[in-house]
Amino acid sequence: MSKNIHQKREDTLVKTIEKKYGVNLGYRSDAQLHTVLKKEGLPSLSKLLKMTQKKSA
């Protein structure tokens, strides 16, 4: 995951994030970013991606 993380709109779909950053977030592809962040208790996409990397390591 070497791509820069740019600020994403809260209505960005999980499938878009997974495709761009090459990760599997473990949520439905039609879920929105704000929903995932709320469920995970995280403030940002960068924190979510870091958490995802730790789970897969």
N, C-alpha and C. Protein backbone atom coordinates (compact mmCIF):
# COMPACT_ATOMS: atom_id res chain seq x y z
N MET A 1 0.85 -1.18 0.00
CA MET A 1 0.00 0.00 0.00
C MET A 1 0.89 1.24 0.00
N SER A 2 1.41 1.59 -1.13
CA SER A 2 2.35 2.70 -1.23
C SER A 2 1.69 3.98 -1.73
N LYS A 3 0.41 3.93 -2.02
CA LYS A 3 -0.27 5.11 -2.53
C LYS A 3 -0.53 6.10 -1.41
N ASN A 4 -0.48 7.39 -1.74
CA ASN A 4 -0.79 8.41 -0.76
C ASN A 4 -2.26 8.35 -0.40
N ILE A 5 -2.55 8.61 0.86
CA ILE A 5 -3.93 8.62 1.32
C ILE A 5 -4.44 10.05 1.24
N HIS A 6 -5.42 10.26 0.40
CA HIS A 6 -6.03 11.58 0.26
C HIS A 6 -7.33 11.59 1.03
N GLN A 7 -7.76 12.77 1.43
CA GLN A 7 -9.02 12.87 2.16
C GLN A 7 -10.15 12.36 1.26
N LYS A 8 -10.97 11.48 1.83
CA LYS A 8 -12.08 10.89 1.09
C LYS A 8 -13.39 11.42 1.64
N ARG A 9 -14.37 11.52 0.77
CA ARG A 9 -15.71 11.89 1.21
C ARG A 9 -16.28 10.75 2.03
N GLU A 10 -17.12 11.09 2.97
CA GLU A 10 -17.70 10.07 3.84
C GLU A 10 -18.62 9.11 3.09
N ASP A 11 -19.12 9.51 1.92
CA ASP A 11 -20.01 8.62 1.18
C ASP A 11 -19.26 7.75 0.16
N THR A 12 -17.93 7.74 0.24
CA THR A 12 -17.13 6.87 -0.62
C THR A 12 -17.45 5.42 -0.30
N LEU A 13 -17.59 4.60 -1.33
CA LEU A 13 -17.93 3.20 -1.13
C LEU A 13 -16.70 2.37 -0.78
N VAL A 14 -16.93 1.33 0.02
CA VAL A 14 -15.87 0.42 0.43
C VAL A 14 -15.16 -0.17 -0.79
N LYS A 15 -15.90 -0.54 -1.82
CA LYS A 15 -15.26 -1.15 -2.99
C LYS A 15 -14.26 -0.21 -3.64
N THR A 16 -14.53 1.08 -3.61
CA THR A 16 -13.61 2.07 -4.18
C THR A 16 -12.32 2.11 -3.38
N ILE A 17 -12.44 2.11 -2.06
CA ILE A 17 -11.26 2.15 -1.19
C ILE A 17 -10.46 0.86 -1.33
N GLU A 18 -11.15 -0.28 -1.34
CA GLU A 18 -10.45 -1.57 -1.46
C GLU A 18 -9.69 -1.65 -2.78
N LYS A 19 -10.29 -1.18 -3.85
CA LYS A 19 -9.64 -1.23 -5.16
C LYS A 19 -8.43 -0.29 -5.21
N LYS A 20 -8.61 0.92 -4.70
CA LYS A 20 -7.53 1.92 -4.77
C LYS A 20 -6.33 1.54 -3.91
N TYR A 21 -6.59 1.01 -2.71
CA TYR A 21 -5.50 0.74 -1.78
C TYR A 21 -5.12 -0.74 -1.69
N GLY A 22 -5.81 -1.60 -2.44
CA GLY A 22 -5.46 -3.02 -2.48
C GLY A 22 -5.64 -3.72 -1.15
N VAL A 23 -6.72 -3.40 -0.45
CA VAL A 23 -7.00 -4.01 0.85
C VAL A 23 -8.38 -4.65 0.86
N ASN A 24 -8.61 -5.48 1.85
CA ASN A 24 -9.94 -6.05 2.08
C ASN A 24 -10.38 -5.55 3.45
N LEU A 25 -11.39 -4.69 3.47
CA LEU A 25 -11.84 -4.09 4.72
C LEU A 25 -12.79 -5.00 5.49
N GLY A 26 -13.29 -6.03 4.84
CA GLY A 26 -14.18 -6.96 5.52
C GLY A 26 -15.62 -6.48 5.64
N TYR A 27 -15.98 -5.52 4.82
CA TYR A 27 -17.35 -5.01 4.79
C TYR A 27 -17.93 -5.17 3.39
N ARG A 28 -19.24 -5.07 3.30
CA ARG A 28 -19.88 -5.14 1.98
C ARG A 28 -19.33 -4.06 1.08
N SER A 29 -19.23 -4.36 -0.19
CA SER A 29 -18.65 -3.41 -1.14
C SER A 29 -19.50 -2.15 -1.31
N ASP A 30 -20.79 -2.23 -0.98
CA ASP A 30 -21.64 -1.05 -1.12
C ASP A 30 -21.79 -0.26 0.17
N ALA A 31 -21.05 -0.64 1.22
CA ALA A 31 -21.06 0.13 2.47
C ALA A 31 -20.32 1.44 2.24
N GLN A 32 -20.71 2.46 2.98
CA GLN A 32 -20.06 3.76 2.85
C GLN A 32 -18.99 3.93 3.92
N LEU A 33 -18.00 4.73 3.60
CA LEU A 33 -16.87 4.95 4.49
C LEU A 33 -17.30 5.40 5.88
N HIS A 34 -18.23 6.32 5.96
CA HIS A 34 -18.62 6.83 7.28
C HIS A 34 -19.23 5.74 8.15
N THR A 35 -19.93 4.79 7.54
CA THR A 35 -20.53 3.68 8.28
C THR A 35 -19.44 2.78 8.86
N VAL A 36 -18.45 2.47 8.06
CA VAL A 36 -17.35 1.61 8.50
C VAL A 36 -16.55 2.29 9.61
N LEU A 37 -16.26 3.58 9.44
CA LEU A 37 -15.50 4.30 10.46
C LEU A 37 -16.26 4.33 11.78
N LYS A 38 -17.56 4.54 11.70
CA LYS A 38 -18.39 4.59 12.91
C LYS A 38 -18.39 3.22 13.61
N LYS A 39 -18.58 2.15 12.85
CA LYS A 39 -18.61 0.80 13.43
C LYS A 39 -17.27 0.42 14.06
N GLU A 40 -16.18 0.86 13.46
CA GLU A 40 -14.84 0.53 13.95
C GLU A 40 -14.37 1.51 15.03
N GLY A 41 -15.09 2.62 15.19
CA GLY A 41 -14.71 3.62 16.18
C GLY A 41 -13.45 4.36 15.80
N LEU A 42 -13.28 4.61 14.52
CA LEU A 42 -12.08 5.26 14.01
C LEU A 42 -12.41 6.62 13.41
N PRO A 43 -11.48 7.58 13.51
CA PRO A 43 -11.75 8.92 13.02
C PRO A 43 -11.44 9.17 11.53
N SER A 44 -10.67 8.27 10.90
CA SER A 44 -10.22 8.58 9.54
C SER A 44 -9.90 7.31 8.74
N LEU A 45 -9.83 7.51 7.44
CA LEU A 45 -9.46 6.43 6.53
C LEU A 45 -8.05 5.94 6.82
N SER A 46 -7.13 6.84 7.11
CA SER A 46 -5.76 6.42 7.36
C SER A 46 -5.68 5.49 8.57
N LYS A 47 -6.45 5.77 9.61
CA LYS A 47 -6.47 4.90 10.80
C LYS A 47 -7.08 3.55 10.44
N LEU A 48 -8.11 3.55 9.61
CA LEU A 48 -8.74 2.30 9.18
C LEU A 48 -7.76 1.45 8.38
N LEU A 49 -7.02 2.07 7.48
CA LEU A 49 -6.05 1.34 6.68
C LEU A 49 -4.92 0.77 7.54
N LYS A 50 -4.48 1.54 8.53
CA LYS A 50 -3.44 1.06 9.44
C LYS A 50 -3.95 -0.14 10.23
N MET A 51 -5.19 -0.09 10.70
CA MET A 51 -5.78 -1.18 11.44
C MET A 51 -5.89 -2.43 10.56
N THR A 52 -6.25 -2.23 9.31
CA THR A 52 -6.38 -3.33 8.36
C THR A 52 -5.04 -4.00 8.12
N GLN A 53 -3.98 -3.21 8.02
CA GLN A 53 -2.63 -3.76 7.83
C GLN A 53 -2.21 -4.60 9.02
N LYS A 54 -2.53 -4.15 10.24
CA LYS A 54 -2.16 -4.89 11.45
C LYS A 54 -2.89 -6.22 11.51
N LYS A 55 -4.16 -6.25 11.08
CA LYS A 55 -4.94 -7.49 11.10
C LYS A 55 -4.38 -8.51 10.11
N SER A 56 -3.88 -8.03 8.97
CA SER A 56 -3.40 -8.95 7.94
C SER A 56 -1.95 -9.37 8.16
N ALA A 57 -1.26 -8.70 9.06
CA ALA A 57 0.15 -9.02 9.31
C ALA A 57 0.31 -10.24 10.22
